[in-house]
Amino acid sequence: MNNLKQKFLQYLKMPEMRIFWYFISLAIILFIIEGVTQAFYPQIFLIFILNVILFAAAAIFIFLIGFRLAKANIEIKLKQNEFLSIVSTFQGAIIIYDPNFKITVFNKIAEGIFGLRADEIVGKIFSPESIKEPRLKLFIQTMFPSLAPAIIKRSDPGAYPQIVDVSFGDHRLELRVATNKILDFYGNLLGFVKIITDRTREVGLLRSKGEFIAVAAHQLRTPLIGIHWMFENLEKENLSDGAKSIVQSGLEQSAFVLKIVNDLLDVSQIEEGRFGFNFSRVNIVFLIEEIIGAVKNFAEELGIKIYFQKPAEPIELSIDAQKLGMALYNVIDNAIRYNVKNGEVCIEIERLQDKPYVQISVKDTGIGIPSLDLNKLATKFFRAENATKYIPNGFGLGLYIVKNILKRHGGDIRIESEINRGSIFHIILPTDASLIPPKEIGIEE
């Protein structure tokens, strides 16, 4: 109750209530004048009463408007204080500006990143030409990322928030800049807000980890190739059955470890954006037939039949045949490995109706994938629990590589599955070369 009374008294003291108090003062003066006048002219008593009623109604009306304005302004000031508190304590840089690039907010973190004071920036309008001033170069390159030395777009063109990673080699600085619109109640543009995160340390750690994996894999690869070559030569020798069994086991294990090392090298190059793609027009049907020929003997050993439903007409796509072939081989090989005895693998390719894409579907009759694991299946080092039990050996890199190869082609992968009934891997690729990303970029974990 006391709190409500204090708030009420606070509202009465607000500047918005001044007009009410002026009106009351004026009304009291007029009533005194009319009271004196009535003493001499009793016949105007009715007019006096009517004036009292009108003034009272006007006073109530003015009071309510002023009271609401005062209450609204207090709430606005509270929200402003809350906002300023958030801005001042937020662990990232915040820059707010209007459509003319006039800066209205520039918090402490922004001051630290750009080496500029808020009073130098707030209230001023900036343009790309402002980059000519050396002190402003870093700030202007962040405001206008197209001026930055290196950028990686993390969001779709035209979609908000716009997210871009900006690299400044000379400053050894890595920033993530997220830009979003500020709209009013009617959807009119009021300005923009940039939230900037300093990722220098994070990116440095990721690079160090990637470099370590790459160096370690390179160091392991050379001796492993030598070991594998020795087992291959020993396999050709005239050995006893026991020795042949040992050599065969060594050959299989060295091939398995060598594949892991090669996968780690591929992942390292993909994540650094230097996997090296060379695109050309290729008949995708011929490429799939080559892969089927490569896995045919392995499938026959396991009693798996492969069926390929070809399209009525050849389909040419702009692809890197070697890289995409690697991805398709991985998917088809998995469909064989995780199948049941005497199972089937059906491959189909079709154009998607009214869309500039083709879809390659690889359907198997295998063990299936638990529904909870479907979204994680293309995550690095992840393997479904039933797959681990079915084939203990594995590193969980294959589908991660597949997904990123397809992403570089402007494509994607979708998976349907049912436990003990099989899975369908839908590989989607664009028929329009303009839908392929213009360049290879680093991959985030």
Protein backbone atom coordinates (compact mmCIF):
# COMPACT_ATOMS: atom_id res chain seq x y z
CA MET A 1 0.00 0.00 0.00
CA ASN A 2 2.82 2.41 0.91
CA ASN A 3 4.54 1.52 -2.38
CA LEU A 4 1.43 2.45 -4.38
CA LYS A 5 1.13 5.72 -2.43
CA GLN A 6 4.79 6.56 -3.17
CA LYS A 7 4.33 5.81 -6.88
CA PHE A 8 1.17 7.97 -6.99
CA LEU A 9 2.96 10.89 -5.33
CA GLN A 10 5.89 10.41 -7.74
CA TYR A 11 3.55 10.61 -10.72
CA LEU A 12 1.99 13.83 -9.34
CA LYS A 13 5.44 15.46 -9.23
CA MET A 14 6.30 14.57 -12.84
CA PRO A 15 6.63 17.44 -15.40
CA GLU A 16 3.73 15.94 -17.35
CA MET A 17 1.39 16.87 -14.45
CA ARG A 18 2.26 20.60 -14.59
CA ILE A 19 -0.59 21.43 -16.96
CA PHE A 20 -3.01 19.88 -14.46
CA TRP A 21 -1.69 22.00 -11.60
CA TYR A 22 -1.79 25.14 -13.78
CA PHE A 23 -5.38 24.34 -14.65
CA ILE A 24 -6.34 23.80 -11.01
CA SER A 25 -4.69 27.09 -10.03
CA LEU A 26 -6.55 28.91 -12.81
CA ALA A 27 -9.82 27.22 -11.88
CA ILE A 28 -9.49 28.26 -8.21
CA ILE A 29 -8.85 31.88 -9.23
CA LEU A 30 -11.88 31.86 -11.55
CA PHE A 31 -14.08 30.27 -8.87
CA ILE A 32 -13.05 32.98 -6.39
CA ILE A 33 -13.88 35.66 -8.94
CA GLU A 34 -17.23 34.05 -9.73
CA GLY A 35 -17.98 33.59 -6.00
CA VAL A 36 -17.40 37.30 -5.40
CA THR A 37 -19.46 38.19 -8.47
CA GLN A 38 -22.32 35.95 -7.30
CA ALA A 39 -22.48 37.80 -3.98
CA PHE A 40 -23.47 40.90 -5.93
CA TYR A 41 -25.45 39.15 -8.68
CA PRO A 42 -27.36 36.16 -7.17
CA GLN A 43 -29.17 35.48 -10.45
CA ILE A 44 -26.02 33.93 -12.04
CA PHE A 45 -25.80 31.12 -9.44
CA LEU A 46 -26.91 28.51 -12.01
CA ILE A 47 -24.15 29.58 -14.41
CA PHE A 48 -21.68 29.32 -11.54
CA ILE A 49 -22.74 25.72 -10.77
CA LEU A 50 -22.51 24.82 -14.49
CA ASN A 51 -19.00 26.29 -14.68
CA VAL A 52 -17.96 24.28 -11.60
CA ILE A 53 -19.16 21.06 -13.24
CA LEU A 54 -17.41 21.86 -16.57
CA PHE A 55 -14.17 22.82 -14.83
CA ALA A 56 -14.32 19.67 -12.68
CA ALA A 57 -14.81 17.49 -15.77
CA ALA A 58 -11.96 19.24 -17.57
CA ALA A 59 -9.75 18.87 -14.49
CA ILE A 60 -10.44 15.12 -14.31
CA PHE A 61 -9.76 14.75 -18.04
CA ILE A 62 -6.47 16.70 -17.86
CA PHE A 63 -5.49 14.81 -14.70
CA LEU A 64 -6.02 11.42 -16.33
CA ILE A 65 -4.06 12.38 -19.47
CA GLY A 66 -1.21 13.85 -17.45
CA PHE A 67 -1.18 10.91 -15.05
CA ARG A 68 -0.99 8.40 -17.91
CA LEU A 69 1.77 10.38 -19.62
CA ALA A 70 3.73 10.55 -16.37
CA LYS A 71 3.31 6.82 -15.79
CA ALA A 72 4.31 6.00 -19.38
CA ASN A 73 7.38 8.25 -19.20
CA ILE A 74 8.52 6.68 -15.95
CA GLU A 75 8.19 3.23 -17.52
CA ILE A 76 10.11 4.42 -20.60
CA LYS A 77 12.89 5.80 -18.40
CA LEU A 78 13.03 2.53 -16.47
CA LYS A 79 13.31 0.60 -19.75
CA GLN A 80 16.00 3.01 -20.94
CA ASN A 81 17.94 2.48 -17.72
CA GLU A 82 17.56 -1.28 -18.06
CA PHE A 83 18.73 -1.09 -21.68
CA LEU A 84 21.72 1.10 -20.82
CA SER A 85 22.60 -1.26 -17.98
CA ILE A 86 22.51 -4.24 -20.36
CA VAL A 87 24.56 -2.36 -22.96
CA SER A 88 27.18 -1.34 -20.41
CA THR A 89 27.56 -4.86 -18.95
CA PHE A 90 27.18 -6.86 -22.19
CA GLN A 91 30.33 -8.84 -23.00
CA GLY A 92 30.27 -7.82 -26.66
CA ALA A 93 30.46 -4.55 -28.53
CA ILE A 94 27.13 -2.87 -29.31
CA ILE A 95 26.74 -0.19 -31.95
CA ILE A 96 23.33 1.30 -32.76
CA TYR A 97 22.80 3.69 -35.65
CA ASP A 98 19.98 5.17 -37.74
CA PRO A 99 19.41 4.55 -41.48
CA ASN A 100 21.80 7.44 -42.26
CA PHE A 101 24.57 5.74 -40.23
CA LYS A 102 24.38 8.27 -37.42
CA ILE A 103 25.70 6.50 -34.31
CA THR A 104 23.43 6.60 -31.26
CA VAL A 105 24.98 3.93 -29.00
CA PHE A 106 28.64 2.92 -28.69
CA ASN A 107 29.32 0.87 -25.55
CA LYS A 108 32.50 0.34 -23.49
CA ILE A 109 33.45 -2.95 -25.21
CA ALA A 110 33.22 -1.19 -28.58
CA GLU A 111 35.54 1.51 -27.22
CA GLY A 112 38.07 -1.18 -26.25
CA ILE A 113 37.95 -3.05 -29.57
CA PHE A 114 38.22 -0.01 -31.83
CA GLY A 115 40.30 2.24 -29.59
CA LEU A 116 37.76 5.07 -29.86
CA ARG A 117 35.80 6.99 -27.23
CA ALA A 118 32.00 7.08 -27.33
CA ASP A 119 31.99 10.89 -27.31
CA GLU A 120 34.04 10.82 -30.53
CA ILE A 121 31.52 8.55 -32.27
CA VAL A 122 28.01 9.09 -30.89
CA GLY A 123 25.97 11.68 -32.78
CA LYS A 124 28.18 11.58 -35.87
CA ILE A 125 27.39 10.23 -39.34
CA PHE A 126 29.88 7.86 -40.97
CA SER A 127 30.30 6.62 -44.55
CA PRO A 128 32.75 4.36 -46.41
CA GLU A 129 34.79 7.49 -47.22
CA SER A 130 35.54 7.85 -43.51
CA ILE A 131 38.05 5.00 -43.89
CA LYS A 132 40.56 7.58 -45.11
CA GLU A 133 41.11 8.62 -41.50
CA PRO A 134 43.61 6.03 -40.09
CA ARG A 135 42.12 6.06 -36.56
CA LEU A 136 38.72 5.07 -37.95
CA LYS A 137 39.89 2.37 -40.38
CA LEU A 138 39.08 -0.64 -38.18
CA PHE A 139 35.73 0.84 -37.11
CA ILE A 140 34.67 1.69 -40.69
CA GLN A 141 35.68 -1.76 -41.98
CA THR A 142 33.43 -3.28 -39.33
CA MET A 143 30.56 -0.91 -40.10
CA PHE A 144 30.96 -1.66 -43.82
CA PRO A 145 32.34 -5.26 -43.96
CA SER A 146 32.81 -5.16 -47.74
CA LEU A 147 35.81 -2.89 -47.02
CA ALA A 148 37.42 -5.45 -44.68
CA PRO A 149 40.44 -7.49 -45.86
CA ALA A 150 38.69 -10.86 -45.39
CA ILE A 151 35.07 -11.75 -44.63
CA ILE A 152 33.06 -14.96 -44.35
CA LYS A 153 29.27 -14.64 -44.61
CA ARG A 154 27.45 -16.88 -42.15
CA SER A 155 23.86 -15.98 -43.10
CA ASP A 156 21.77 -16.06 -46.26
CA PRO A 157 21.88 -12.92 -48.48
CA GLY A 158 19.14 -10.45 -47.58
CA ALA A 159 18.13 -12.32 -44.41
CA TYR A 160 18.32 -10.67 -41.00
CA PRO A 161 20.19 -10.88 -38.76
CA GLN A 162 23.12 -10.60 -41.15
CA ILE A 163 26.10 -12.46 -39.67
CA VAL A 164 29.61 -12.09 -41.01
CA ASP A 165 33.06 -13.04 -39.71
CA VAL A 166 35.63 -10.31 -40.34
CA SER A 167 39.39 -10.97 -40.23
CA PHE A 168 42.00 -8.24 -39.85
CA GLY A 169 45.38 -9.79 -40.54
CA ASP A 170 47.38 -6.67 -39.76
CA HIS A 171 45.62 -6.28 -36.40
CA ARG A 172 45.49 -10.03 -35.72
CA LEU A 173 41.84 -9.53 -34.90
CA GLU A 174 38.87 -11.83 -35.58
CA LEU A 175 35.37 -10.38 -35.16
CA ARG A 176 31.87 -11.77 -35.63
CA VAL A 177 29.45 -9.01 -36.59
CA ALA A 178 25.69 -9.64 -36.31
CA THR A 179 23.54 -6.85 -37.77
CA ASN A 180 19.79 -6.63 -37.23
CA LYS A 181 17.05 -4.15 -38.04
CA ILE A 182 15.29 -1.95 -35.48
CA LEU A 183 11.64 -1.52 -36.45
CA ASP A 184 8.82 0.50 -34.94
CA PHE A 185 5.35 -0.83 -34.09
CA TYR A 186 4.25 -0.44 -37.73
CA GLY A 187 7.33 -2.13 -39.19
CA ASN A 188 9.03 1.07 -40.28
CA LEU A 189 12.84 1.02 -40.19
CA LEU A 190 14.27 3.08 -37.32
CA GLY A 191 17.86 1.93 -37.58
CA PHE A 192 20.22 -0.98 -37.03
CA VAL A 193 22.04 -2.66 -34.18
CA LYS A 194 25.42 -4.38 -34.55
CA ILE A 195 26.52 -6.89 -31.93
CA ILE A 196 30.23 -7.56 -32.30
CA THR A 197 32.05 -10.44 -30.65
CA ASP A 198 35.83 -10.62 -30.42
CA ARG A 199 36.68 -14.19 -31.52
CA THR A 200 40.45 -13.74 -31.78
CA ARG A 201 41.29 -16.16 -28.96
CA GLU A 202 38.64 -18.69 -30.02
CA VAL A 203 39.80 -18.69 -33.64
CA GLY A 204 43.42 -18.96 -32.51
CA LEU A 205 42.64 -22.05 -30.42
CA LEU A 206 40.72 -23.66 -33.30
CA ARG A 207 43.61 -22.99 -35.67
CA SER A 208 46.10 -24.44 -33.19
CA LYS A 209 43.98 -27.55 -32.78
CA GLY A 210 43.56 -27.91 -36.54
CA GLU A 211 47.28 -27.43 -37.12
CA PHE A 212 48.10 -30.03 -34.47
CA ILE A 213 45.73 -32.57 -36.03
CA ALA A 214 47.10 -31.83 -39.51
CA VAL A 215 50.75 -32.13 -38.42
CA ALA A 216 50.07 -35.30 -36.38
CA ALA A 217 48.16 -36.88 -39.27
CA HIS A 218 50.93 -36.01 -41.73
CA GLN A 219 53.57 -37.47 -39.40
CA LEU A 220 51.56 -40.69 -39.01
CA ARG A 221 50.65 -41.02 -42.67
CA THR A 222 54.17 -41.62 -44.02
CA PRO A 223 55.11 -44.55 -41.73
CA LEU A 224 51.59 -46.01 -42.08
CA ILE A 225 51.92 -46.06 -45.87
CA GLY A 226 55.23 -47.89 -45.44
CA ILE A 227 53.70 -50.44 -43.04
CA HIS A 228 50.72 -50.99 -45.34
CA TRP A 229 53.04 -51.45 -48.33
CA MET A 230 55.06 -54.07 -46.40
CA PHE A 231 51.89 -56.03 -45.56
CA GLU A 232 50.85 -55.87 -49.23
CA ASN A 233 54.21 -57.32 -50.28
CA LEU A 234 54.11 -59.99 -47.57
CA GLU A 235 50.65 -61.04 -48.77
CA LYS A 236 52.19 -61.95 -52.14
CA GLU A 237 54.80 -64.23 -50.51
CA ASN A 238 54.45 -67.98 -50.11
CA LEU A 239 53.48 -68.12 -46.43
CA SER A 240 51.91 -70.64 -44.13
CA ASP A 241 48.19 -70.38 -43.42
CA GLY A 242 48.88 -68.97 -39.94
CA ALA A 243 51.28 -66.37 -41.29
CA LYS A 244 48.86 -65.44 -44.10
CA SER A 245 46.11 -64.88 -41.53
CA ILE A 246 48.37 -62.56 -39.50
CA VAL A 247 49.43 -60.65 -42.63
CA GLN A 248 45.82 -60.30 -43.79
CA SER A 249 44.81 -58.97 -40.38
CA GLY A 250 47.73 -56.52 -40.43
CA LEU A 251 46.78 -55.39 -43.93
CA GLU A 252 43.19 -54.73 -42.91
CA GLN A 253 44.15 -52.87 -39.74
CA SER A 254 46.78 -50.73 -41.44
CA ALA A 255 44.25 -49.84 -44.17
CA PHE A 256 41.71 -48.91 -41.47
CA VAL A 257 44.16 -46.67 -39.58
CA LEU A 258 45.39 -45.14 -42.84
CA LYS A 259 41.79 -44.26 -43.75
CA ILE A 260 41.32 -42.54 -40.37
CA VAL A 261 44.50 -40.52 -40.91
CA ASN A 262 43.37 -39.54 -44.43
CA ASP A 263 39.94 -38.56 -43.08
CA LEU A 264 41.57 -36.39 -40.40
CA LEU A 265 43.64 -34.65 -43.06
CA ASP A 266 40.51 -34.10 -45.18
CA VAL A 267 38.61 -32.69 -42.19
CA SER A 268 41.49 -30.37 -41.36
CA GLN A 269 41.59 -29.03 -44.92
CA ILE A 270 37.79 -28.66 -45.08
CA GLU A 271 37.63 -26.73 -41.83
CA GLU A 272 40.43 -24.41 -42.95
CA GLY A 273 38.68 -23.81 -46.27
CA ARG A 274 41.49 -25.28 -48.37
CA PHE A 275 40.15 -28.67 -49.46
CA GLY A 276 40.61 -27.56 -53.06
CA PHE A 277 37.55 -27.91 -55.32
CA ASN A 278 37.76 -27.97 -59.13
CA PHE A 279 34.36 -27.75 -60.80
CA SER A 280 33.48 -28.97 -64.27
CA ARG A 281 30.39 -30.22 -66.12
CA VAL A 282 30.00 -33.94 -65.41
CA ASN A 283 27.32 -36.51 -66.25
CA ILE A 284 26.22 -37.53 -62.75
CA VAL A 285 24.80 -40.83 -64.03
CA PHE A 286 28.23 -41.93 -65.29
CA LEU A 287 29.81 -40.95 -61.97
CA ILE A 288 27.33 -43.07 -60.00
CA GLU A 289 27.89 -46.02 -62.34
CA GLU A 290 31.66 -45.77 -61.71
CA ILE A 291 31.09 -45.85 -57.94
CA ILE A 292 28.74 -48.83 -58.22
CA GLY A 293 31.46 -50.63 -60.21
CA ALA A 294 33.99 -49.86 -57.47
CA VAL A 295 31.83 -51.29 -54.64
CA LYS A 296 30.26 -54.17 -56.60
CA ASN A 297 32.68 -56.88 -55.45
CA PHE A 298 32.44 -55.79 -51.82
CA ALA A 299 28.64 -55.86 -52.02
CA GLU A 300 28.66 -59.33 -53.56
CA GLU A 301 30.89 -60.63 -50.76
CA LEU A 302 28.18 -59.55 -48.27
CA GLY A 303 25.34 -60.81 -50.45
CA ILE A 304 24.02 -57.29 -51.07
CA LYS A 305 22.30 -56.52 -54.39
CA ILE A 306 22.61 -53.01 -55.85
CA TYR A 307 19.92 -51.56 -58.10
CA PHE A 308 20.31 -48.27 -60.00
CA GLN A 309 17.24 -46.60 -61.47
CA LYS A 310 18.62 -44.31 -64.15
CA PRO A 311 16.83 -41.18 -65.32
CA ALA A 312 15.36 -41.14 -68.82
CA GLU A 313 17.84 -38.46 -69.92
CA PRO A 314 21.45 -37.75 -68.95
CA ILE A 315 21.92 -35.16 -66.18
CA GLU A 316 24.96 -32.93 -66.29
CA LEU A 317 25.95 -30.99 -63.18
CA SER A 318 28.73 -28.57 -62.31
CA ILE A 319 30.68 -30.57 -59.71
CA ASP A 320 34.11 -31.60 -58.51
CA ALA A 321 33.93 -35.20 -59.70
CA GLN A 322 36.70 -36.41 -57.38
CA LYS A 323 35.29 -34.77 -54.23
CA LEU A 324 31.64 -35.53 -54.94
CA GLY A 325 32.62 -39.05 -55.94
CA MET A 326 34.20 -39.41 -52.50
CA ALA A 327 30.94 -38.29 -50.86
CA LEU A 328 28.73 -40.59 -52.95
CA TYR A 329 31.11 -43.52 -52.41
CA ASN A 330 30.90 -42.97 -48.64
CA VAL A 331 27.09 -42.98 -48.63
CA ILE A 332 26.79 -46.06 -50.87
CA ASP A 333 29.55 -47.88 -48.95
CA ASN A 334 27.68 -47.21 -45.67
CA ALA A 335 24.45 -48.52 -47.21
CA ILE A 336 26.30 -51.78 -47.95
CA ARG A 337 28.19 -52.07 -44.65
CA TYR A 338 25.21 -51.42 -42.39
CA ASN A 339 22.86 -53.65 -44.37
CA VAL A 340 21.51 -57.06 -43.44
CA LYS A 341 22.52 -60.33 -45.06
CA ASN A 342 21.05 -60.64 -48.58
CA GLY A 343 19.86 -57.05 -48.33
CA GLU A 344 19.43 -54.46 -51.07
CA VAL A 345 20.69 -51.01 -51.96
CA CYS A 346 18.54 -49.01 -54.37
CA ILE A 347 19.89 -45.85 -55.99
CA GLU A 348 17.64 -43.40 -57.78
CA ILE A 349 18.27 -40.01 -59.36
CA GLU A 350 15.55 -37.55 -60.32
CA ARG A 351 15.00 -33.86 -60.98
CA LEU A 352 12.99 -32.10 -58.30
CA GLN A 353 9.79 -30.68 -59.72
CA ASP A 354 9.76 -26.88 -60.18
CA LYS A 355 13.16 -26.59 -58.46
CA PRO A 356 16.69 -26.23 -59.92
CA TYR A 357 17.93 -29.32 -58.09
CA VAL A 358 18.41 -33.05 -58.57
CA GLN A 359 17.98 -35.60 -55.81
CA ILE A 360 20.06 -38.76 -55.52
CA SER A 361 18.39 -41.23 -53.17
CA VAL A 362 20.32 -44.15 -51.66
CA LYS A 363 17.93 -46.57 -49.99
CA ASP A 364 19.04 -49.62 -48.00
CA THR A 365 17.37 -52.44 -46.10
CA GLY A 366 19.79 -52.21 -43.20
CA ILE A 367 19.74 -51.74 -39.43
CA GLY A 368 18.31 -48.21 -39.56
CA ILE A 369 19.13 -45.19 -37.40
CA PRO A 370 17.42 -44.22 -34.10
CA SER A 371 15.26 -41.10 -34.59
CA LEU A 372 17.08 -39.26 -31.80
CA ASP A 373 20.39 -39.70 -33.66
CA LEU A 374 19.27 -38.48 -37.09
CA ASN A 375 20.04 -34.79 -36.49
CA LYS A 376 23.48 -35.62 -35.07
CA LEU A 377 24.50 -38.10 -37.72
CA ALA A 378 26.62 -35.68 -39.79
CA THR A 379 28.34 -34.27 -36.69
CA LYS A 380 32.08 -34.78 -36.41
CA PHE A 381 33.08 -37.94 -34.48
CA PHE A 382 29.43 -38.99 -33.93
CA ARG A 383 28.22 -42.53 -34.53
CA ALA A 384 24.77 -43.90 -33.79
CA GLU A 385 24.69 -46.36 -30.89
CA ASN A 386 23.35 -49.27 -32.94
CA ALA A 387 25.97 -48.62 -35.65
CA THR A 388 28.74 -48.83 -33.04
CA LYS A 389 27.42 -52.20 -31.89
CA TYR A 390 27.01 -53.49 -35.45
CA ILE A 391 30.49 -52.39 -36.60
CA PRO A 392 32.71 -51.45 -33.62
CA ASN A 393 35.46 -49.92 -35.77
CA GLY A 394 34.72 -46.42 -36.97
CA PHE A 395 35.64 -42.81 -36.29
CA GLY A 396 32.48 -40.85 -37.17
CA LEU A 397 34.06 -38.64 -39.83
CA GLY A 398 32.57 -39.99 -43.06
CA LEU A 399 29.19 -38.24 -43.05
CA TYR A 400 30.74 -35.06 -41.64
CA ILE A 401 32.99 -34.94 -44.72
CA VAL A 402 30.03 -35.83 -46.98
CA LYS A 403 27.89 -33.00 -45.58
CA ASN A 404 30.61 -30.39 -46.07
CA ILE A 405 31.43 -31.56 -49.60
CA LEU A 406 27.75 -31.22 -50.49
CA LYS A 407 27.58 -27.82 -48.81
CA ARG A 408 30.46 -26.60 -50.99
CA HIS A 409 28.46 -27.81 -54.02
CA GLY A 410 25.43 -25.77 -52.89
CA GLY A 411 23.68 -28.99 -51.91
CA ASP A 412 22.52 -30.79 -48.78
CA ILE A 413 21.73 -34.20 -47.35
CA ARG A 414 18.47 -35.37 -45.77
CA ILE A 415 18.06 -38.69 -43.98
CA GLU A 416 15.00 -40.84 -43.36
CA SER A 417 15.26 -44.00 -41.32
CA GLU A 418 13.38 -46.63 -39.40
CA ILE A 419 15.03 -49.06 -36.99
CA ASN A 420 15.45 -52.55 -38.49
CA ARG A 421 13.77 -51.40 -41.71
CA GLY A 422 16.51 -49.37 -43.35
CA SER A 423 17.43 -45.82 -44.28
CA ILE A 424 17.16 -43.43 -47.22
CA PHE A 425 19.87 -40.84 -47.79
CA HIS A 426 18.67 -38.01 -50.05
CA ILE A 427 21.57 -36.11 -51.64
CA ILE A 428 20.41 -32.82 -53.15
CA LEU A 429 22.53 -30.95 -55.71
CA PRO A 430 21.82 -27.82 -57.76
CA THR A 431 21.44 -27.96 -61.54
CA ASP A 432 22.05 -24.21 -61.72
CA ALA A 433 25.75 -23.42 -61.27
CA SER A 434 24.89 -19.96 -59.87
CA LEU A 435 23.59 -21.68 -56.72
CA ILE A 436 27.07 -23.01 -55.92
CA PRO A 437 28.94 -20.89 -53.33
CA PRO A 438 31.50 -18.67 -55.12
CA LYS A 439 34.40 -19.79 -52.95
CA GLU A 440 35.43 -22.27 -50.30
CA ILE A 441 35.15 -21.01 -46.74
CA GLY A 442 36.21 -22.35 -43.38
CA ILE A 443 33.82 -24.58 -41.49
CA GLU A 444 32.77 -23.89 -37.91
CA GLU A 445 32.48 -26.65 -35.37
